[in-house]
């Protein structure tokens, strides 16, 4: 029963008021050790793999078809690796493998850990939005991020492996699938996200200090891109399992 509940047994919907995403490029050999055997990295130039920190301000999160007023507002932090999976029927899917999840409320931690495998923890999260910039910080999780929107559509960090926003846009989503692997059963849990109006806008990163990324001890990591999306109706479909065939 516990496994059944954790396998995302019903669809969930929410409204993304905003989602700020920082994407880091890492030499692919270093990220390969962080993903399960059933997945392969989604790479750029067959050289770089990617790990992203997504900071999502959600509203009215609830089981799908439950009235909006019964939903809850949460702030979610997710660290995800960009991956691919080939299903038992041969279909190739692009998506994400989650390695850490945080939220600003104990209620989300409790419910999230009943109905998902994402291992939520609770932390302090503060977001400050001004006309000049957006600041997102956490004392407990030890991160400090300041970003701002610019009028330059091709805004990229100085050492990004991408030469332009068009290249970066391929890794700005939406990447519709999220994967969890049961090594004992050789089963992959696939959760598909469905969204509208996904229009990522590049951000200029004024400051970024993220302890979790540093703690992974990955060498030659560079900030590849940053973007924001706003006002996104979003829902996650009921989870489906697939038997992995090596």
C-alpha atoms as a PDB file:
ATOM      1  CA  UNK A   1       0.000   0.000   0.000  1.00  0.00           C
ATOM      2  CA  UNK A   2       2.844   2.382   0.889  1.00  0.00           C
ATOM      3  CA  UNK A   3       4.466   1.840  -2.514  1.00  0.00           C
ATOM      4  CA  UNK A   4       1.133   2.361  -4.251  1.00  0.00           C
ATOM      5  CA  UNK A   5       0.600   5.698  -2.506  1.00  0.00           C
ATOM      6  CA  UNK A   6       4.098   6.928  -3.305  1.00  0.00           C
ATOM      7  CA  UNK A   7       3.623   6.177  -7.004  1.00  0.00           C
ATOM      8  CA  UNK A   8       1.599   9.347  -7.571  1.00  0.00           C
ATOM      9  CA  UNK A   9      -1.770   7.515  -7.555  1.00  0.00           C
ATOM     10  CA  UNK A  10      -3.863  10.474  -8.749  1.00  0.00           C
ATOM     11  CA  UNK A  11      -3.460  13.563 -10.902  1.00  0.00           C
ATOM     12  CA  UNK A  12      -2.449  16.803  -9.180  1.00  0.00           C
ATOM     13  CA  UNK A  13      -2.904  20.356 -10.400  1.00  0.00           C
ATOM     14  CA  UNK A  14      -1.544  23.750  -9.422  1.00  0.00           C
ATOM     15  CA  UNK A  15      -0.992  27.253 -10.693  1.00  0.00           C
ATOM     16  CA  UNK A  16       2.620  28.344 -11.092  1.00  0.00           C
ATOM     17  CA  UNK A  17       2.657  32.000 -10.129  1.00  0.00           C
ATOM     18  CA  UNK A  18       6.334  31.967 -11.052  1.00  0.00           C
ATOM     19  CA  UNK A  19       9.202  29.565 -11.536  1.00  0.00           C
ATOM     20  CA  UNK A  20      12.803  30.742 -11.531  1.00  0.00           C
ATOM     21  CA  UNK A  21      15.261  28.167 -12.868  1.00  0.00           C
ATOM     22  CA  UNK A  22      19.055  28.156 -12.757  1.00  0.00           C
ATOM     23  CA  UNK A  23      20.682  25.533 -14.982  1.00  0.00           C
ATOM     24  CA  UNK A  24      24.260  24.375 -14.430  1.00  0.00           C
ATOM     25  CA  UNK A  25      26.388  22.605 -17.031  1.00  0.00           C
ATOM     26  CA  UNK A  26      28.604  19.773 -15.803  1.00  0.00           C
ATOM     27  CA  UNK A  27      30.993  17.507 -17.757  1.00  0.00           C
ATOM     28  CA  UNK A  28      28.757  14.541 -18.503  1.00  0.00           C
ATOM     29  CA  UNK A  29      31.042  11.912 -16.935  1.00  0.00           C
ATOM     30  CA  UNK A  30      30.506  13.476 -13.515  1.00  0.00           C
ATOM     31  CA  UNK A  31      26.712  13.500 -13.671  1.00  0.00           C
ATOM     32  CA  UNK A  32      26.443   9.917 -14.891  1.00  0.00           C
ATOM     33  CA  UNK A  33      27.223   8.658 -11.386  1.00  0.00           C
ATOM     34  CA  UNK A  34      24.176  10.489  -9.993  1.00  0.00           C
ATOM     35  CA  UNK A  35      21.512   8.855 -12.164  1.00  0.00           C
ATOM     36  CA  UNK A  36      20.164   5.271 -12.111  1.00  0.00           C
ATOM     37  CA  UNK A  37      21.114   2.663 -14.692  1.00  0.00           C
ATOM     38  CA  UNK A  38      17.851   2.963 -16.612  1.00  0.00           C
ATOM     39  CA  UNK A  39      18.432   6.618 -17.562  1.00  0.00           C
ATOM     40  CA  UNK A  40      20.893   8.393 -19.838  1.00  0.00           C
ATOM     41  CA  UNK A  41      21.931  12.010 -19.691  1.00  0.00           C
ATOM     42  CA  UNK A  42      20.357  14.594 -21.958  1.00  0.00           C
ATOM     43  CA  UNK A  43      23.542  16.237 -23.210  1.00  0.00           C
ATOM     44  CA  UNK A  44      24.744  19.189 -25.246  1.00  0.00           C
ATOM     45  CA  UNK A  45      27.548  18.643 -27.785  1.00  0.00           C
ATOM     46  CA  UNK A  46      27.938  15.182 -26.243  1.00  0.00           C
ATOM     47  CA  UNK A  47      30.035  16.956 -23.613  1.00  0.00           C
ATOM     48  CA  UNK A  48      27.803  18.657 -21.084  1.00  0.00           C
ATOM     49  CA  UNK A  49      25.096  17.302 -18.829  1.00  0.00           C
ATOM     50  CA  UNK A  50      22.798  19.591 -16.864  1.00  0.00           C
ATOM     51  CA  UNK A  51      21.489  19.982 -13.344  1.00  0.00           C
ATOM     52  CA  UNK A  52      18.854  22.622 -12.613  1.00  0.00           C
ATOM     53  CA  UNK A  53      17.581  24.327  -9.497  1.00  0.00           C
ATOM     54  CA  UNK A  54      13.911  25.251  -9.909  1.00  0.00           C
ATOM     55  CA  UNK A  55      12.268  27.637  -7.437  1.00  0.00           C
ATOM     56  CA  UNK A  56       8.513  27.453  -7.913  1.00  0.00           C
ATOM     57  CA  UNK A  57       5.835  29.587  -6.257  1.00  0.00           C
ATOM     58  CA  UNK A  58       2.684  27.446  -6.518  1.00  0.00           C
ATOM     59  CA  UNK A  59      -0.919  28.366  -5.740  1.00  0.00           C
ATOM     60  CA  UNK A  60      -3.962  26.139  -5.184  1.00  0.00           C
ATOM     61  CA  UNK A  61      -2.007  22.863  -5.324  1.00  0.00           C
ATOM     62  CA  UNK A  62      -4.513  20.008  -4.963  1.00  0.00           C
ATOM     63  CA  UNK A  63      -5.739  16.734  -6.468  1.00  0.00           C
ATOM     64  CA  UNK A  64      -7.130  17.378  -9.931  1.00  0.00           C
ATOM     65  CA  UNK A  65     -10.853  18.236 -10.035  1.00  0.00           C
ATOM     66  CA  UNK A  66     -10.845  19.207  -6.345  1.00  0.00           C
ATOM     67  CA  UNK A  67     -12.190  22.785  -5.996  1.00  0.00           C
ATOM     68  CA  UNK A  68      -9.517  25.469  -6.166  1.00  0.00           C
ATOM     69  CA  UNK A  69     -10.366  26.917  -2.755  1.00  0.00           C
ATOM     70  CA  UNK A  70      -9.375  23.610  -1.132  1.00  0.00           C
ATOM     71  CA  UNK A  71      -5.863  23.841  -2.584  1.00  0.00           C
ATOM     72  CA  UNK A  72      -2.748  25.081  -0.818  1.00  0.00           C
ATOM     73  CA  UNK A  73      -0.042  27.605  -1.661  1.00  0.00           C
ATOM     74  CA  UNK A  74       3.536  26.376  -1.358  1.00  0.00           C
ATOM     75  CA  UNK A  75       7.027  27.352  -2.368  1.00  0.00           C
ATOM     76  CA  UNK A  76       8.920  24.406  -3.854  1.00  0.00           C
ATOM     77  CA  UNK A  77      12.614  23.947  -4.569  1.00  0.00           C
ATOM     78  CA  UNK A  78      13.684  21.076  -6.818  1.00  0.00           C
ATOM     79  CA  UNK A  79      17.134  19.984  -7.972  1.00  0.00           C
ATOM     80  CA  UNK A  80      16.830  17.925 -11.146  1.00  0.00           C
ATOM     81  CA  UNK A  81      19.167  16.302 -13.676  1.00  0.00           C
ATOM     82  CA  UNK A  82      18.190  16.391 -17.365  1.00  0.00           C
ATOM     83  CA  UNK A  83      17.789  12.815 -18.597  1.00  0.00           C
ATOM     84  CA  UNK A  84      16.298  10.548 -21.255  1.00  0.00           C
ATOM     85  CA  UNK A  85      14.496   7.254 -20.946  1.00  0.00           C
ATOM     86  CA  UNK A  86      13.563   4.647 -23.561  1.00  0.00           C
ATOM     87  CA  UNK A  87      10.367   2.817 -22.622  1.00  0.00           C
ATOM     88  CA  UNK A  88       9.798  -0.915 -22.993  1.00  0.00           C
ATOM     89  CA  UNK A  89       7.887  -0.136 -26.209  1.00  0.00           C
ATOM     90  CA  UNK A  90      10.820   1.815 -27.617  1.00  0.00           C
ATOM     91  CA  UNK A  91       9.506   5.348 -27.089  1.00  0.00           C
ATOM     92  CA  UNK A  92      12.161   7.918 -26.166  1.00  0.00           C
ATOM     93  CA  UNK A  93      11.245  10.445 -23.487  1.00  0.00           C
ATOM     94  CA  UNK A  94      13.030  13.580 -22.315  1.00  0.00           C
ATOM     95  CA  UNK A  95      12.622  14.517 -18.694  1.00  0.00           C
ATOM     96  CA  UNK A  96      14.056  15.009 -15.234  1.00  0.00           C
ATOM     97  CA  UNK A  97      15.525  12.929 -12.424  1.00  0.00           C
ATOM     98  CA  UNK A  98      15.004  14.592  -9.050  1.00  0.00           C
ATOM     99  CA  UNK A  99      17.851  14.425  -6.533  1.00  0.00           C
ATOM    100  CA  UNK A 100      16.553  16.823  -3.862  1.00  0.00           C
ATOM    101  CA  UNK A 101      13.228  18.482  -2.993  1.00  0.00           C
ATOM    102  CA  UNK A 102      12.444  21.222  -0.484  1.00  0.00           C
ATOM    103  CA  UNK A 103       9.378  23.191   0.543  1.00  0.00           C
ATOM    104  CA  UNK A 104       8.516  26.013   2.887  1.00  0.00           C
ATOM    105  CA  UNK A 105       5.719  24.179   4.723  1.00  0.00           C
ATOM    106  CA  UNK A 106       5.538  21.041   6.858  1.00  0.00           C
ATOM    107  CA  UNK A 107       2.165  20.189   5.322  1.00  0.00           C
ATOM    108  CA  UNK A 108       3.726  19.882   1.872  1.00  0.00           C
ATOM    109  CA  UNK A 109       6.584  17.817   3.278  1.00  0.00           C
ATOM    110  CA  UNK A 110       4.142  15.433   4.952  1.00  0.00           C
ATOM    111  CA  UNK A 111       1.800  15.003   1.990  1.00  0.00           C
ATOM    112  CA  UNK A 112       4.583  15.058  -0.589  1.00  0.00           C
ATOM    113  CA  UNK A 113       6.365  12.211   1.140  1.00  0.00           C
ATOM    114  CA  UNK A 114       3.184  10.121   1.278  1.00  0.00           C
ATOM    115  CA  UNK A 115       2.325  10.475  -2.411  1.00  0.00           C
ATOM    116  CA  UNK A 116       5.757  10.831  -4.077  1.00  0.00           C
ATOM    117  CA  UNK A 117       9.296   9.475  -3.868  1.00  0.00           C
ATOM    118  CA  UNK A 118      10.819  12.961  -3.817  1.00  0.00           C
ATOM    119  CA  UNK A 119      11.879  12.984  -0.137  1.00  0.00           C
ATOM    120  CA  UNK A 120      10.793  16.524   0.690  1.00  0.00           C
ATOM    121  CA  UNK A 121      12.384  18.421   3.541  1.00  0.00           C
ATOM    122  CA  UNK A 122      11.203  21.713   5.000  1.00  0.00           C
ATOM    123  CA  UNK A 123      13.328  24.825   4.889  1.00  0.00           C
ATOM    124  CA  UNK A 124      12.991  28.581   5.132  1.00  0.00           C
ATOM    125  CA  UNK A 125      12.438  30.297   1.802  1.00  0.00           C
ATOM    126  CA  UNK A 126      12.158  34.042   1.323  1.00  0.00           C
ATOM    127  CA  UNK A 127      11.367  35.698  -1.990  1.00  0.00           C
ATOM    128  CA  UNK A 128      11.589  39.465  -2.461  1.00  0.00           C
ATOM    129  CA  UNK A 129      10.446  41.008  -5.739  1.00  0.00           C
ATOM    130  CA  UNK A 130      11.161  44.623  -6.655  1.00  0.00           C
ATOM    131  CA  UNK A 131      11.104  46.594  -9.885  1.00  0.00           C
ATOM    132  CA  UNK A 132      14.861  46.103 -10.042  1.00  0.00           C
ATOM    133  CA  UNK A 133      15.303  42.388  -9.314  1.00  0.00           C
ATOM    134  CA  UNK A 134      14.084  39.212  -7.622  1.00  0.00           C
ATOM    135  CA  UNK A 135      15.878  37.785  -4.610  1.00  0.00           C
ATOM    136  CA  UNK A 136      15.317  34.236  -3.311  1.00  0.00           C
ATOM    137  CA  UNK A 137      17.169  33.161  -0.179  1.00  0.00           C
ATOM    138  CA  UNK A 138      17.292  30.466   2.496  1.00  0.00           C
ATOM    139  CA  UNK A 139      19.319  30.514   5.696  1.00  0.00           C
ATOM    140  CA  UNK A 140      18.837  26.814   6.487  1.00  0.00           C
ATOM    141  CA  UNK A 141      19.550  25.595   2.950  1.00  0.00           C
ATOM    142  CA  UNK A 142      22.242  28.229   2.501  1.00  0.00           C
ATOM    143  CA  UNK A 143      21.459  29.711  -0.873  1.00  0.00           C
ATOM    144  CA  UNK A 144      21.250  33.272  -2.079  1.00  0.00           C
ATOM    145  CA  UNK A 145      20.081  34.125  -5.578  1.00  0.00           C
ATOM    146  CA  UNK A 146      19.480  37.497  -7.196  1.00  0.00           C
ATOM    147  CA  UNK A 147      18.199  37.684 -10.768  1.00  0.00           C
ATOM    148  CA  UNK A 148      16.750  40.368 -12.993  1.00  0.00           C
ATOM    149  CA  UNK A 149      14.985  40.530 -16.312  1.00  0.00           C
ATOM    150  CA  UNK A 150      16.603  42.396 -19.163  1.00  0.00           C
ATOM    151  CA  UNK A 151      15.525  43.497 -22.612  1.00  0.00           C
ATOM    152  CA  UNK A 152      18.210  41.345 -24.189  1.00  0.00           C
ATOM    153  CA  UNK A 153      16.662  38.101 -25.398  1.00  0.00           C
ATOM    154  CA  UNK A 154      20.058  36.414 -25.700  1.00  0.00           C
ATOM    155  CA  UNK A 155      21.131  36.945 -22.077  1.00  0.00           C
ATOM    156  CA  UNK A 156      23.442  34.097 -20.978  1.00  0.00           C
ATOM    157  CA  UNK A 157      26.002  33.725 -18.177  1.00  0.00           C
ATOM    158  CA  UNK A 158      29.575  34.540 -19.128  1.00  0.00           C
ATOM    159  CA  UNK A 159      30.918  30.977 -19.212  1.00  0.00           C
ATOM    160  CA  UNK A 160      27.832  29.244 -20.548  1.00  0.00           C
ATOM    161  CA  UNK A 161      28.486  26.418 -23.043  1.00  0.00           C
ATOM    162  CA  UNK A 162      25.554  27.749 -25.072  1.00  0.00           C
ATOM    163  CA  UNK A 163      26.417  30.295 -27.729  1.00  0.00           C
ATOM    164  CA  UNK A 164      22.925  31.794 -27.843  1.00  0.00           C
ATOM    165  CA  UNK A 165      19.486  31.646 -26.260  1.00  0.00           C
ATOM    166  CA  UNK A 166      18.177  29.404 -29.042  1.00  0.00           C
ATOM    167  CA  UNK A 167      20.569  26.660 -27.915  1.00  0.00           C
ATOM    168  CA  UNK A 168      19.762  27.259 -24.250  1.00  0.00           C
ATOM    169  CA  UNK A 169      16.034  27.239 -24.969  1.00  0.00           C
ATOM    170  CA  UNK A 170      16.125  23.504 -25.734  1.00  0.00           C
ATOM    171  CA  UNK A 171      17.033  22.921 -22.084  1.00  0.00           C
ATOM    172  CA  UNK A 172      14.552  25.465 -20.720  1.00  0.00           C
ATOM    173  CA  UNK A 173      11.676  23.037 -20.990  1.00  0.00           C
ATOM    174  CA  UNK A 174       9.113  22.102 -20.649  1.00  0.00           C
ATOM    175  CA  UNK A 175      10.621  18.684 -20.069  1.00  0.00           C
ATOM    176  CA  UNK A 176       7.347  16.886 -19.489  1.00  0.00           C
ATOM    177  CA  UNK A 177       8.423  13.684 -17.777  1.00  0.00           C
ATOM    178  CA  UNK A 178       9.819  12.937 -14.326  1.00  0.00           C
ATOM    179  CA  UNK A 179      11.355   9.529 -13.607  1.00  0.00           C
ATOM    180  CA  UNK A 180      11.813   7.467 -10.440  1.00  0.00           C
ATOM    181  CA  UNK A 181      13.517   4.068 -10.513  1.00  0.00           C
ATOM    182  CA  UNK A 182      12.828   0.955  -8.431  1.00  0.00           C
ATOM    183  CA  UNK A 183      16.078  -0.973  -8.824  1.00  0.00           C
ATOM    184  CA  UNK A 184      14.751  -4.142  -7.181  1.00  0.00           C
ATOM    185  CA  UNK A 185      11.764  -4.449  -9.521  1.00  0.00           C
ATOM    186  CA  UNK A 186      13.518  -2.814 -12.500  1.00  0.00           C
ATOM    187  CA  UNK A 187      10.510  -0.511 -12.726  1.00  0.00           C
ATOM    188  CA  UNK A 188      10.480   3.105 -13.817  1.00  0.00           C
ATOM    189  CA  UNK A 189       7.751   5.377 -12.501  1.00  0.00           C
ATOM    190  CA  UNK A 190       6.876   7.972 -15.145  1.00  0.00           C
ATOM    191  CA  UNK A 191       4.957  11.118 -14.260  1.00  0.00           C
ATOM    192  CA  UNK A 192       3.934  13.420 -17.077  1.00  0.00           C
ATOM    193  CA  UNK A 193       3.411  17.122 -16.526  1.00  0.00           C
ATOM    194  CA  UNK A 194       0.951  19.048 -18.706  1.00  0.00           C
ATOM    195  CA  UNK A 195       1.146  22.828 -18.961  1.00  0.00           C
ATOM    196  CA  UNK A 196      -0.080  25.865 -20.893  1.00  0.00           C
ATOM    197  CA  UNK A 197       1.662  29.103 -21.863  1.00  0.00           C
ATOM    198  CA  UNK A 198       5.210  27.887 -21.178  1.00  0.00           C
ATOM    199  CA  UNK A 199       7.207  30.891 -22.382  1.00  0.00           C
ATOM    200  CA  UNK A 200      10.584  31.055 -20.628  1.00  0.00           C
ATOM    201  CA  UNK A 201      12.164  34.505 -20.397  1.00  0.00           C
ATOM    202  CA  UNK A 202      15.960  34.712 -19.955  1.00  0.00           C
ATOM    203  CA  UNK A 203      17.256  36.210 -16.727  1.00  0.00           C
ATOM    204  CA  UNK A 204      20.490  37.957 -15.849  1.00  0.00           C
ATOM    205  CA  UNK A 205      22.035  36.392 -12.745  1.00  0.00           C
ATOM    206  CA  UNK A 206      23.340  39.123 -10.480  1.00  0.00           C
ATOM    207  CA  UNK A 207      24.360  36.762  -7.685  1.00  0.00           C
ATOM    208  CA  UNK A 208      24.152  33.038  -7.070  1.00  0.00           C
ATOM    209  CA  UNK A 209      25.443  30.982  -4.185  1.00  0.00           C
ATOM    210  CA  UNK A 210      23.899  27.525  -3.838  1.00  0.00           C
ATOM    211  CA  UNK A 211      25.418  25.259  -1.193  1.00  0.00           C
ATOM    212  CA  UNK A 212      23.744  22.071  -2.411  1.00  0.00           C
ATOM    213  CA  UNK A 213      25.358  22.407  -5.843  1.00  0.00           C
ATOM    214  CA  UNK A 214      28.732  22.982  -4.175  1.00  0.00           C
ATOM    215  CA  UNK A 215      28.249  19.963  -1.901  1.00  0.00           C
ATOM    216  CA  UNK A 216      27.944  17.645  -4.902  1.00  0.00           C
ATOM    217  CA  UNK A 217      31.674  18.212  -5.468  1.00  0.00           C
ATOM    218  CA  UNK A 218      31.301  18.331  -9.232  1.00  0.00           C
ATOM    219  CA  UNK A 219      34.327  19.731 -11.045  1.00  0.00           C
ATOM    220  CA  UNK A 220      34.220  22.367 -13.793  1.00  0.00           C
ATOM    221  CA  UNK A 221      30.571  23.225 -13.164  1.00  0.00           C
ATOM    222  CA  UNK A 222      29.415  26.428 -14.873  1.00  0.00           C
ATOM    223  CA  UNK A 223      26.176  28.358 -14.824  1.00  0.00           C
ATOM    224  CA  UNK A 224      24.635  27.720 -18.238  1.00  0.00           C
ATOM    225  CA  UNK A 225      21.382  29.690 -18.204  1.00  0.00           C
ATOM    226  CA  UNK A 226      18.645  31.194 -16.080  1.00  0.00           C
ATOM    227  CA  UNK A 227      15.024  31.886 -16.914  1.00  0.00           C
ATOM    228  CA  UNK A 228      11.621  32.592 -15.457  1.00  0.00           C
ATOM    229  CA  UNK A 229       8.112  31.512 -16.410  1.00  0.00           C
ATOM    230  CA  UNK A 230       4.971  33.072 -14.960  1.00  0.00           C
ATOM    231  CA  UNK A 231       1.269  32.334 -14.672  1.00  0.00           C
ATOM    232  CA  UNK A 232       1.303  28.697 -15.764  1.00  0.00           C
ATOM    233  CA  UNK A 233      -1.711  26.389 -15.279  1.00  0.00           C
ATOM    234  CA  UNK A 234      -0.047  23.028 -14.631  1.00  0.00           C
ATOM    235  CA  UNK A 235      -1.003  19.500 -13.703  1.00  0.00           C
ATOM    236  CA  UNK A 236       0.774  16.196 -13.192  1.00  0.00           C
ATOM    237  CA  UNK A 237      -0.906  13.080 -14.518  1.00  0.00           C
ATOM    238  CA  UNK A 238      -1.301   9.923 -12.493  1.00  0.00           C
ATOM    239  CA  UNK A 239       1.967   7.986 -12.349  1.00  0.00           C
ATOM    240  CA  UNK A 240       2.594   5.096 -14.728  1.00  0.00           C
ATOM    241  CA  UNK A 241       5.118   2.291 -14.291  1.00  0.00           C
ATOM    242  CA  UNK A 242       7.231   0.787 -17.035  1.00  0.00           C
ATOM    243  CA  UNK A 243       9.411  -2.315 -16.846  1.00  0.00           C
ATOM    244  CA  UNK A 244      12.927  -1.314 -17.868  1.00  0.00           C
ATOM    245  CA  UNK A 245      14.587  -3.548 -20.435  1.00  0.00           C
ATOM    246  CA  UNK A 246      18.417  -3.254 -20.335  1.00  0.00           C
END
